[in-house]
Amino acid sequence: MKTKMKIPLPLSLAERDRRWEIARIIMRKNQLDTLIIYGDRESATPAPFCIDHYFTNDRLGSVVIFHQEEKPIVITFASMMIADHMQASVRGDLQWIEPAQIYVGKTGTNIGNMLKEIGISDSPKIGIIGLEPYPPFYFDGALPHRTWKGITEVFPDAEIIPVYKDFFNLTASKSEEELRLITHAAYIGEAMSEVMRVTVKPGVSEAEIAAAITSTCIAMGGFTGEILMGSGPEYIGWGPPAWQYRSQAPRIIQEGDIVLAEIFALYGMYETQHQAAVAVGDIHPNLEHAARVARECYEKGVGVLKAGITFGEVVDTMEQPLLESGGWHVHPLIHSINPYGPIGFGTAPGIEVLLQADQYGYVGRLPNPGRDLILEAGMCFAFEPNCAFGNHLANIGGTVIVGEDKGIELNINSTYLMRAEY
């Protein structure tokens, strides 16, 4: 008999009040007249810039304004968001935002005029979450130029302060309510990884695998916006499958392939990541070796992901097996999620070691921000150790919470090289 899945309770009003107080702490610390939180559009996954949701627990894509001790104002992108808010009221959903707090008109000029209406001085000190780099996609920040221009035209004498770092430091350690949602997302991601394993077999296309993974998430009440995937007897890339952005047929899986994926499972906009790898029959010895090295990196990382240690120390420990093996890697070994911030590429070689790299104008490396961050219990990290020898790449990993003595693993199957059954 199939066991019924237990759905976590909705986030409470006490959780809302805790978060709104975080906004006010940021304001007091920086002596701000007001705090603006920019939210990017919907469906901008993976790595969406949806800090607005943290304060609204509602549909994505709004700008949230805090002023003094007042309830926040939400300026949303279109009236459809208000229609959804009305519908939720009819259903009796627990909502954090009241109708009088919501306005339509997500433009810089409207935001500036709203600040005038609520009594901001002509020379205000404005804090903005959305200006600072937010890797891996928002290297110039998420706030659009025209939004910035509209605000500064209304307030030409404003002092504008980027405050995302304060937000990260105050929110990275998760509450008990948040951890329940993250754990549930990991449960969904574990099921998605298992469905991938049982779907992979010779003759199946990458599209069929992606469809099975995605449908499992949706059927379990989760959300996923994209799957990173590649396959073959050798593989060196990392990103969405080429057939999703180039007009070509999805690749057909063959005996001797490895199928690599990064699976994103979200519940209530809390995210877990799962680095699922499936071997199809007998694979190249380099792939087996790379998977063993990646697993050793994973184990070392879990062992030191504890309160009081710096993120840089975790990265240094985690990459030791990779450095000793003489392999290279294509994506980070570890990075934070919920929210994004520190990224750990380490010092191990990247794709610049490949012979074909010389054909390109410049093969750059992403930065390693956040090395000085001191970990606290309850912080959330995506472990994605990966190793390659020549053109043979393997990765494994999952989501791990910072514990008092070591990391707390939220899933198991994708943390090993899985085997197809057929």
Foldseek 3Di string as FASTA:
>chain_A
DDDDDDDADPDDLVQLVVQVVLLVVLCVVVVFQKEKEFWCAPLPDDQGSFVVCSNWLAHTGWIWMDGDPDRIATEHADCVRVVVVVVCVVVVHDTNDDPVRYHYDPFLQVVQVVCVVVPADLATEYEYAFQDQFPDPRNRTHDDPRNVVNNCVSRVNYHYHYDVVSVCVVPQFDDPSLVVQLLVLLVLVQVLLVQLQAQDAFFDFPVVNVVSSQVSLVVSVKDWSAKWKDKDLFAADTGGDPVVPDVDDTDGDDQQMKMWMWTWIGDSNFIKIWTAIEHHHDHDVQQVVFQVLQLVLVVQLQQPLAFFAFPLVSLVRSCVSQVVVLWEDAAFQKFFVSPTDFTRNDDGHHPCPAPCVVVDPDDDDDDGPRRGDGDDFRRKMWGWRKTGDHRHIGIFTIMWTHYHRGTDDSHDNRSHHHYHDD
